[in-house]
């Protein structure tokens, strides 16, 4: 499986942010741990429909160096449609 990051274009709290996603939730958590992200920064069902971590632009650069695949907004949108979980459900 692969971990993906989109471009850091989302402005929040004076920084630019992006998303870290994977079709395999366990791989997503393992990769996030390698980046030094805390599990509490994970966002997923039932709170959000797409399991992901938000990354700063700096963290994105590190993620790519560790093997995450950079993808465009349209590529990320296609991926999100595949992994999206209906509200209130857990991903199996």
PDB file of N, CA and C in Angstrom:
ATOM      1  N   UNK A   1       0.841  -1.189   0.000  1.00  0.00           N
ATOM      2  CA  UNK A   1       0.000   0.000   0.000  1.00  0.00           C
ATOM      3  C   UNK A   1       0.884   1.250   0.000  1.00  0.00           C
ATOM      4  N   UNK A   2       0.253   2.360  -0.250  1.00  0.00           N
ATOM      5  CA  UNK A   2       0.979   3.622  -0.385  1.00  0.00           C
ATOM      6  C   UNK A   2       0.325   4.691   0.476  1.00  0.00           C
ATOM      7  N   UNK A   3       1.138   5.616   0.933  1.00  0.00           N
ATOM      8  CA  UNK A   3       0.656   6.792   1.660  1.00  0.00           C
ATOM      9  C   UNK A   3       0.813   7.985   0.722  1.00  0.00           C
ATOM     10  N   UNK A   4      -0.201   8.847   0.691  1.00  0.00           N
ATOM     11  CA  UNK A   4      -0.231   9.975  -0.237  1.00  0.00           C
ATOM     12  C   UNK A   4      -0.339  11.299   0.509  1.00  0.00           C
ATOM     13  N   UNK A   5       0.213  12.359  -0.087  1.00  0.00           N
ATOM     14  CA  UNK A   5       0.048  13.722   0.423  1.00  0.00           C
ATOM     15  C   UNK A   5      -0.314  14.638  -0.740  1.00  0.00           C
ATOM     16  N   UNK A   6      -1.219  15.556  -0.483  1.00  0.00           N
ATOM     17  CA  UNK A   6      -1.532  16.554  -1.503  1.00  0.00           C
ATOM     18  C   UNK A   6      -0.696  17.803  -1.240  1.00  0.00           C
ATOM     19  N   UNK A   7      -0.918  18.838  -1.998  1.00  0.00           N
ATOM     20  CA  UNK A   7      -0.150  20.080  -1.844  1.00  0.00           C
ATOM     21  C   UNK A   7      -0.583  20.825  -0.584  1.00  0.00           C
ATOM     22  N   UNK A   8       0.361  21.481   0.048  1.00  0.00           N
ATOM     23  CA  UNK A   8       0.075  22.265   1.254  1.00  0.00           C
ATOM     24  C   UNK A   8      -0.472  23.628   0.832  1.00  0.00           C
ATOM     25  N   UNK A   9      -1.784  23.702   0.642  1.00  0.00           N
ATOM     26  CA  UNK A   9      -2.419  24.936   0.162  1.00  0.00           C
ATOM     27  C   UNK A   9      -3.475  25.476   1.114  1.00  0.00           C
ATOM     28  N   UNK A  10      -3.812  24.710   2.134  1.00  0.00           N
ATOM     29  CA  UNK A  10      -4.885  25.112   3.047  1.00  0.00           C
ATOM     30  C   UNK A  10      -4.311  25.972   4.164  1.00  0.00           C
ATOM     31  N   UNK A  11      -4.741  27.210   4.254  1.00  0.00           N
ATOM     32  CA  UNK A  11      -4.235  28.151   5.265  1.00  0.00           C
ATOM     33  C   UNK A  11      -5.002  27.993   6.568  1.00  0.00           C
ATOM     34  N   UNK A  12      -4.251  27.871   7.676  1.00  0.00           N
ATOM     35  CA  UNK A  12      -4.857  27.802   9.006  1.00  0.00           C
ATOM     36  C   UNK A  12      -3.774  28.130  10.025  1.00  0.00           C
ATOM     37  N   UNK A  13      -4.102  29.025  10.938  1.00  0.00           N
ATOM     38  CA  UNK A  13      -3.193  29.421  12.016  1.00  0.00           C
ATOM     39  C   UNK A  13      -1.813  29.838  11.501  1.00  0.00           C
ATOM     40  N   UNK A  14      -1.794  30.583  10.402  1.00  0.00           N
ATOM     41  CA  UNK A  14      -0.553  31.130   9.886  1.00  0.00           C
ATOM     42  C   UNK A  14       0.336  30.150   9.145  1.00  0.00           C
ATOM     43  N   UNK A  15      -0.170  28.952   8.866  1.00  0.00           N
ATOM     44  CA  UNK A  15       0.612  27.943   8.159  1.00  0.00           C
ATOM     45  C   UNK A  15      -0.189  27.394   6.987  1.00  0.00           C
ATOM     46  N   UNK A  16       0.519  26.720   6.103  1.00  0.00           N
ATOM     47  CA  UNK A  16      -0.142  25.999   5.016  1.00  0.00           C
ATOM     48  C   UNK A  16      -0.163  24.515   5.380  1.00  0.00           C
ATOM     49  N   UNK A  17      -1.302  23.889   5.111  1.00  0.00           N
ATOM     50  CA  UNK A  17      -1.526  22.502   5.514  1.00  0.00           C
ATOM     51  C   UNK A  17      -1.922  21.641   4.326  1.00  0.00           C
ATOM     52  N   UNK A  18      -1.743  20.333   4.492  1.00  0.00           N
ATOM     53  CA  UNK A  18      -2.159  19.352   3.490  1.00  0.00           C
ATOM     54  C   UNK A  18      -2.670  18.110   4.212  1.00  0.00           C
ATOM     55  N   UNK A  19      -2.986  17.083   3.420  1.00  0.00           N
ATOM     56  CA  UNK A  19      -3.565  15.858   3.974  1.00  0.00           C
ATOM     57  C   UNK A  19      -2.661  14.663   3.705  1.00  0.00           C
ATOM     58  N   UNK A  20      -2.563  13.780   4.686  1.00  0.00           N
ATOM     59  CA  UNK A  20      -1.848  12.516   4.567  1.00  0.00           C
ATOM     60  C   UNK A  20      -2.899  11.418   4.622  1.00  0.00           C
ATOM     61  N   UNK A  21      -2.997  10.605   3.574  1.00  0.00           N
ATOM     62  CA  UNK A  21      -4.014   9.554   3.509  1.00  0.00           C
ATOM     63  C   UNK A  21      -3.415   8.261   2.971  1.00  0.00           C
ATOM     64  N   UNK A  22      -4.120   7.164   3.230  1.00  0.00           N
ATOM     65  CA  UNK A  22      -3.766   5.861   2.683  1.00  0.00           C
ATOM     66  C   UNK A  22      -5.022   5.021   2.633  1.00  0.00           C
ATOM     67  N   UNK A  23      -5.056   4.084   1.694  1.00  0.00           N
ATOM     68  CA  UNK A  23      -6.178   3.161   1.631  1.00  0.00           C
ATOM     69  C   UNK A  23      -6.121   2.145   2.763  1.00  0.00           C
ATOM     70  N   UNK A  24      -4.977   2.013   3.394  1.00  0.00           N
ATOM     71  CA  UNK A  24      -4.783   1.081   4.514  1.00  0.00           C
ATOM     72  C   UNK A  24      -4.595   1.890   5.793  1.00  0.00           C
ATOM     73  N   UNK A  25      -5.590   1.839   6.671  1.00  0.00           N
ATOM     74  CA  UNK A  25      -5.570   2.661   7.891  1.00  0.00           C
ATOM     75  C   UNK A  25      -4.386   2.329   8.794  1.00  0.00           C
ATOM     76  N   UNK A  26      -4.019   1.048   8.870  1.00  0.00           N
ATOM     77  CA  UNK A  26      -2.875   0.676   9.708  1.00  0.00           C
ATOM     78  C   UNK A  26      -1.586   1.255   9.151  1.00  0.00           C
ATOM     79  N   UNK A  27      -1.444   1.211   7.832  1.00  0.00           N
ATOM     80  CA  UNK A  27      -0.267   1.815   7.218  1.00  0.00           C
ATOM     81  C   UNK A  27      -0.241   3.332   7.463  1.00  0.00           C
ATOM     82  N   UNK A  28      -1.399   3.956   7.378  1.00  0.00           N
ATOM     83  CA  UNK A  28      -1.487   5.396   7.637  1.00  0.00           C
ATOM     84  C   UNK A  28      -0.969   5.718   9.035  1.00  0.00           C
ATOM     85  N   UNK A  29      -1.408   4.957  10.037  1.00  0.00           N
ATOM     86  CA  UNK A  29      -0.963   5.197  11.414  1.00  0.00           C
ATOM     87  C   UNK A  29       0.535   4.907  11.588  1.00  0.00           C
ATOM     88  N   UNK A  30       1.017   3.843  10.971  1.00  0.00           N
ATOM     89  CA  UNK A  30       2.457   3.530  11.074  1.00  0.00           C
ATOM     90  C   UNK A  30       3.298   4.646  10.461  1.00  0.00           C
ATOM     91  N   UNK A  31       2.881   5.120   9.295  1.00  0.00           N
ATOM     92  CA  UNK A  31       3.624   6.182   8.627  1.00  0.00           C
ATOM     93  C   UNK A  31       3.593   7.458   9.457  1.00  0.00           C
ATOM     94  N   UNK A  32       2.430   7.786   9.997  1.00  0.00           N
ATOM     95  CA  UNK A  32       2.309   8.983  10.840  1.00  0.00           C
ATOM     96  C   UNK A  32       3.229   8.881  12.053  1.00  0.00           C
ATOM     97  N   UNK A  33       3.326   7.698  12.636  1.00  0.00           N
ATOM     98  CA  UNK A  33       4.222   7.509  13.783  1.00  0.00           C
ATOM     99  C   UNK A  33       5.679   7.731  13.368  1.00  0.00           C
ATOM    100  N   UNK A  34       6.058   7.252  12.178  1.00  0.00           N
ATOM    101  CA  UNK A  34       7.419   7.480  11.678  1.00  0.00           C
ATOM    102  C   UNK A  34       7.697   8.971  11.507  1.00  0.00           C
ATOM    103  N   UNK A  35       6.661   9.731  11.163  1.00  0.00           N
ATOM    104  CA  UNK A  35       6.801  11.185  11.019  1.00  0.00           C
ATOM    105  C   UNK A  35       6.846  11.897  12.380  1.00  0.00           C
ATOM    106  N   UNK A  36       6.497  11.165  13.427  1.00  0.00           N
ATOM    107  CA  UNK A  36       6.476  11.762  14.756  1.00  0.00           C
ATOM    108  C   UNK A  36       5.141  12.393  15.104  1.00  0.00           C
ATOM    109  N   UNK A  37       4.089  12.053  14.331  1.00  0.00           N
ATOM    110  CA  UNK A  37       2.765  12.593  14.622  1.00  0.00           C
ATOM    111  C   UNK A  37       2.120  11.787  15.744  1.00  0.00           C
ATOM    112  N   UNK A  38       1.395  12.454  16.595  1.00  0.00           N
ATOM    113  CA  UNK A  38       0.698  11.791  17.689  1.00  0.00           C
ATOM    114  C   UNK A  38      -0.639  11.280  17.185  1.00  0.00           C
ATOM    115  N   UNK A  39      -1.058  10.130  17.674  1.00  0.00           N
ATOM    116  CA  UNK A  39      -2.329   9.530  17.255  1.00  0.00           C
ATOM    117  C   UNK A  39      -3.506  10.475  17.512  1.00  0.00           C
ATOM    118  N   UNK A  40      -3.367  11.380  18.457  1.00  0.00           N
ATOM    119  CA  UNK A  40      -4.453  12.326  18.733  1.00  0.00           C
ATOM    120  C   UNK A  40      -4.670  13.312  17.588  1.00  0.00           C
ATOM    121  N   UNK A  41      -3.695  13.424  16.677  1.00  0.00           N
ATOM    122  CA  UNK A  41      -3.889  14.326  15.541  1.00  0.00           C
ATOM    123  C   UNK A  41      -4.579  13.629  14.366  1.00  0.00           C
ATOM    124  N   UNK A  42      -4.884  12.349  14.528  1.00  0.00           N
ATOM    125  CA  UNK A  42      -5.627  11.594  13.509  1.00  0.00           C
ATOM    126  C   UNK A  42      -7.059  12.103  13.432  1.00  0.00           C
ATOM    127  N   UNK A  43      -7.575  12.190  12.213  1.00  0.00           N
ATOM    128  CA  UNK A  43      -8.970  12.566  11.996  1.00  0.00           C
ATOM    129  C   UNK A  43      -9.624  11.480  11.158  1.00  0.00           C
ATOM    130  N   UNK A  44     -10.677  10.900  11.689  1.00  0.00           N
ATOM    131  CA  UNK A  44     -11.351   9.834  10.959  1.00  0.00           C
ATOM    132  C   UNK A  44     -12.719   9.557  11.536  1.00  0.00           C
ATOM    133  N   UNK A  45     -13.381   8.545  10.972  1.00  0.00           N
ATOM    134  CA  UNK A  45     -14.738   8.205  11.412  1.00  0.00           C
ATOM    135  C   UNK A  45     -14.790   7.939  12.914  1.00  0.00           C
ATOM    136  N   UNK A  46     -15.852   8.324  13.552  1.00  0.00           N
ATOM    137  CA  UNK A  46     -17.072   8.894  12.979  1.00  0.00           C
ATOM    138  C   UNK A  46     -17.043  10.420  12.849  1.00  0.00           C
ATOM    139  N   UNK A  47     -15.974  11.062  13.284  1.00  0.00           N
ATOM    140  CA  UNK A  47     -15.925  12.529  13.234  1.00  0.00           C
ATOM    141  C   UNK A  47     -15.817  13.067  11.810  1.00  0.00           C
ATOM    142  N   UNK A  48     -14.993  12.453  10.985  1.00  0.00           N
ATOM    143  CA  UNK A  48     -14.858  12.850   9.583  1.00  0.00           C
ATOM    144  C   UNK A  48     -15.023  11.611   8.709  1.00  0.00           C
ATOM    145  N   UNK A  49     -15.388  11.815   7.464  1.00  0.00           N
ATOM    146  CA  UNK A  49     -15.639  10.671   6.583  1.00  0.00           C
ATOM    147  C   UNK A  49     -14.371  10.097   5.961  1.00  0.00           C
ATOM    148  N   UNK A  50     -13.287  10.852   5.980  1.00  0.00           N
ATOM    149  CA  UNK A  50     -12.049  10.395   5.346  1.00  0.00           C
ATOM    150  C   UNK A  50     -10.938  10.270   6.386  1.00  0.00           C
ATOM    151  N   UNK A  51     -10.451   9.063   6.627  1.00  0.00           N
ATOM    152  CA  UNK A  51      -9.350   8.885   7.573  1.00  0.00           C
ATOM    153  C   UNK A  51      -8.107   9.605   7.063  1.00  0.00           C
ATOM    154  N   UNK A  52      -7.558  10.514   7.880  1.00  0.00           N
ATOM    155  CA  UNK A  52      -6.387  11.274   7.438  1.00  0.00           C
ATOM    156  C   UNK A  52      -5.698  11.966   8.608  1.00  0.00           C
ATOM    157  N   UNK A  53      -4.532  12.469   8.324  1.00  0.00           N
ATOM    158  CA  UNK A  53      -3.802  13.373   9.212  1.00  0.00           C
ATOM    159  C   UNK A  53      -3.615  14.675   8.442  1.00  0.00           C
ATOM    160  N   UNK A  54      -3.686  15.794   9.132  1.00  0.00           N
ATOM    161  CA  UNK A  54      -3.336  17.081   8.536  1.00  0.00           C
ATOM    162  C   UNK A  54      -1.855  17.325   8.807  1.00  0.00           C
ATOM    163  N   UNK A  55      -1.134  17.767   7.779  1.00  0.00           N
ATOM    164  CA  UNK A  55       0.300  18.034   7.899  1.00  0.00           C
ATOM    165  C   UNK A  55       0.602  19.466   7.519  1.00  0.00           C
ATOM    166  N   UNK A  56       1.599  20.040   8.152  1.00  0.00           N
ATOM    167  CA  UNK A  56       2.111  21.336   7.712  1.00  0.00           C
ATOM    168  C   UNK A  56       2.963  21.102   6.456  1.00  0.00           C
ATOM    169  N   UNK A  57       3.278  22.164   5.766  1.00  0.00           N
ATOM    170  CA  UNK A  57       4.153  22.051   4.606  1.00  0.00           C
ATOM    171  C   UNK A  57       5.497  21.430   4.957  1.00  0.00           C
ATOM    172  N   UNK A  58       6.035  21.768   6.128  1.00  0.00           N
ATOM    173  CA  UNK A  58       7.298  21.193   6.580  1.00  0.00           C
ATOM    174  C   UNK A  58       7.167  19.686   6.771  1.00  0.00           C
ATOM    175  N   UNK A  59       6.078  19.260   7.436  1.00  0.00           N
ATOM    176  CA  UNK A  59       5.859  17.826   7.645  1.00  0.00           C
ATOM    177  C   UNK A  59       5.639  17.108   6.308  1.00  0.00           C
ATOM    178  N   UNK A  60       4.998  17.799   5.360  1.00  0.00           N
ATOM    179  CA  UNK A  60       4.789  17.223   4.027  1.00  0.00           C
ATOM    180  C   UNK A  60       6.120  16.902   3.369  1.00  0.00           C
ATOM    181  N   UNK A  61       7.060  17.835   3.424  1.00  0.00           N
ATOM    182  CA  UNK A  61       8.384  17.606   2.839  1.00  0.00           C
ATOM    183  C   UNK A  61       9.049  16.381   3.470  1.00  0.00           C
ATOM    184  N   UNK A  62       8.962  16.261   4.790  1.00  0.00           N
ATOM    185  CA  UNK A  62       9.535  15.094   5.477  1.00  0.00           C
ATOM    186  C   UNK A  62       8.820  13.817   5.053  1.00  0.00           C
ATOM    187  N   UNK A  63       7.491  13.883   4.915  1.00  0.00           N
ATOM    188  CA  UNK A  63       6.716  12.708   4.507  1.00  0.00           C
ATOM    189  C   UNK A  63       7.164  12.217   3.136  1.00  0.00           C
ATOM    190  N   UNK A  64       7.387  13.129   2.220  1.00  0.00           N
ATOM    191  CA  UNK A  64       7.838  12.747   0.881  1.00  0.00           C
ATOM    192  C   UNK A  64       9.222  12.115   0.947  1.00  0.00           C
ATOM    193  N   UNK A  65      10.102  12.683   1.757  1.00  0.00           N
ATOM    194  CA  UNK A  65      11.439  12.092   1.914  1.00  0.00           C
ATOM    195  C   UNK A  65      11.361  10.677   2.489  1.00  0.00           C
ATOM    196  N   UNK A  66      10.323  10.410   3.304  1.00  0.00           N
ATOM    197  CA  UNK A  66      10.149   9.079   3.896  1.00  0.00           C
ATOM    198  C   UNK A  66       9.385   8.125   2.983  1.00  0.00           C
ATOM    199  N   UNK A  67       8.941   8.599   1.821  1.00  0.00           N
ATOM    200  CA  UNK A  67       8.311   7.703   0.864  1.00  0.00           C
ATOM    201  C   UNK A  67       6.864   7.977   0.509  1.00  0.00           C
ATOM    202  N   UNK A  68       6.244   8.990   1.098  1.00  0.00           N
ATOM    203  CA  UNK A  68       4.872   9.332   0.715  1.00  0.00           C
ATOM    204  C   UNK A  68       4.877   9.831  -0.730  1.00  0.00           C
ATOM    205  N   UNK A  69       3.796   9.563  -1.419  1.00  0.00           N
ATOM    206  CA  UNK A  69       3.676   9.960  -2.821  1.00  0.00           C
ATOM    207  C   UNK A  69       2.912  11.275  -2.903  1.00  0.00           C
ATOM    208  N   UNK A  70       3.536  12.280  -3.523  1.00  0.00           N
ATOM    209  CA  UNK A  70       2.869  13.565  -3.724  1.00  0.00           C
ATOM    210  C   UNK A  70       1.817  13.387  -4.812  1.00  0.00           C
ATOM    211  N   UNK A  71       0.638  13.951  -4.584  1.00  0.00           N
ATOM    212  CA  UNK A  71      -0.413  13.837  -5.590  1.00  0.00           C
ATOM    213  C   UNK A  71      -1.129  15.178  -5.749  1.00  0.00           C
ATOM    214  N   UNK A  72      -1.766  15.333  -6.895  1.00  0.00           N
ATOM    215  CA  UNK A  72      -2.501  16.553  -7.190  1.00  0.00           C
ATOM    216  C   UNK A  72      -3.829  16.568  -6.438  1.00  0.00           C
ATOM    217  N   UNK A  73      -4.492  17.710  -6.464  1.00  0.00           N
ATOM    218  CA  UNK A  73      -5.808  17.808  -5.823  1.00  0.00           C
ATOM    219  C   UNK A  73      -6.794  16.834  -6.455  1.00  0.00           C
ATOM    220  N   UNK A  74      -6.756  16.693  -7.776  1.00  0.00           N
ATOM    221  CA  UNK A  74      -7.698  15.780  -8.435  1.00  0.00           C
ATOM    222  C   UNK A  74      -7.377  14.320  -8.098  1.00  0.00           C
ATOM    223  N   UNK A  75      -6.101  13.985  -8.013  1.00  0.00           N
ATOM    224  CA  UNK A  75      -5.725  12.627  -7.606  1.00  0.00           C
ATOM    225  C   UNK A  75      -6.170  12.355  -6.169  1.00  0.00           C
ATOM    226  N   UNK A  76      -5.991  13.349  -5.297  1.00  0.00           N
ATOM    227  CA  UNK A  76      -6.425  13.191  -3.907  1.00  0.00           C
ATOM    228  C   UNK A  76      -7.941  13.035  -3.833  1.00  0.00           C
ATOM    229  N   UNK A  77      -8.670  13.794  -4.633  1.00  0.00           N
ATOM    230  CA  UNK A  77     -10.133  13.695  -4.637  1.00  0.00           C
ATOM    231  C   UNK A  77     -10.576  12.291  -5.043  1.00  0.00           C
ATOM    232  N   UNK A  78      -9.936  11.700  -6.048  1.00  0.00           N
ATOM    233  CA  UNK A  78     -10.272  10.334  -6.455  1.00  0.00           C
ATOM    234  C   UNK A  78      -9.966   9.339  -5.341  1.00  0.00           C
ATOM    235  N   UNK A  79      -8.835   9.507  -4.678  1.00  0.00           N
ATOM    236  CA  UNK A  79      -8.465   8.629  -3.578  1.00  0.00           C
ATOM    237  C   UNK A  79      -9.464   8.754  -2.434  1.00  0.00           C
ATOM    238  N   UNK A  80      -9.812   9.976  -2.085  1.00  0.00           N
ATOM    239  CA  UNK A  80     -10.756  10.210  -0.991  1.00  0.00           C
ATOM    240  C   UNK A  80     -12.102   9.550  -1.293  1.00  0.00           C
ATOM    241  N   UNK A  81     -12.552   9.618  -2.531  1.00  0.00           N
ATOM    242  CA  UNK A  81     -13.818   8.958  -2.890  1.00  0.00           C
ATOM    243  C   UNK A  81     -13.742   7.453  -2.663  1.00  0.00           C
ATOM    244  N   UNK A  82     -12.573   6.853  -2.882  1.00  0.00           N
ATOM    245  CA  UNK A  82     -12.409   5.406  -2.673  1.00  0.00           C
ATOM    246  C   UNK A  82     -12.390   5.030  -1.201  1.00  0.00           C
ATOM    247  N   UNK A  83     -11.815   5.891  -0.356  1.00  0.00           N
ATOM    248  CA  UNK A  83     -11.641   5.503   1.048  1.00  0.00           C
ATOM    249  C   UNK A  83     -12.670   6.124   1.985  1.00  0.00           C
ATOM    250  N   UNK A  84     -13.493   7.015   1.459  1.00  0.00           N
ATOM    251  CA  UNK A  84     -14.485   7.701   2.288  1.00  0.00           C
ATOM    252  C   UNK A  84     -15.389   6.684   2.989  1.00  0.00           C
ATOM    253  N   UNK A  85     -15.732   6.993   4.217  1.00  0.00           N
ATOM    254  CA  UNK A  85     -16.603   6.162   5.037  1.00  0.00           C
ATOM    255  C   UNK A  85     -17.878   6.948   5.307  1.00  0.00           C
ATOM    256  N   UNK A  86     -19.054   6.318   5.143  1.00  0.00           N
ATOM    257  CA  UNK A  86     -20.296   7.041   5.456  1.00  0.00           C
ATOM    258  C   UNK A  86     -20.278   7.558   6.892  1.00  0.00           C
ATOM    259  N   UNK A  87     -20.839   8.739   7.104  1.00  0.00           N
ATOM    260  CA  UNK A  87     -20.886   9.347   8.441  1.00  0.00           C
ATOM    261  C   UNK A  87     -21.423   8.373   9.481  1.00  0.00           C
ATOM    262  N   UNK A  88     -20.751   8.350  10.629  1.00  0.00           N
ATOM    263  CA  UNK A  88     -21.200   7.535  11.744  1.00  0.00           C
ATOM    264  C   UNK A  88     -20.770   6.085  11.660  1.00  0.00           C
ATOM    265  N   UNK A  89     -20.068   5.705  10.614  1.00  0.00           N
ATOM    266  CA  UNK A  89     -19.627   4.319  10.450  1.00  0.00           C
ATOM    267  C   UNK A  89     -18.147   4.216  10.782  1.00  0.00           C
ATOM    268  N   UNK A  90     -17.706   3.010  11.044  1.00  0.00           N
ATOM    269  CA  UNK A  90     -16.295   2.727  11.230  1.00  0.00           C
ATOM    270  C   UNK A  90     -15.793   1.997  10.003  1.00  0.00           C
ATOM    271  N   UNK A  91     -14.565   2.232   9.650  1.00  0.00           N
ATOM    272  CA  UNK A  91     -13.975   1.547   8.510  1.00  0.00           C
ATOM    273  C   UNK A  91     -13.459   0.192   8.972  1.00  0.00           C
ATOM    274  N   UNK A  92     -13.771  -0.837   8.214  1.00  0.00           N
ATOM    275  CA  UNK A  92     -13.323  -2.177   8.617  1.00  0.00           C
ATOM    276  C   UNK A  92     -12.044  -2.568   7.919  1.00  0.00           C
TER     277      UNK A  92
END
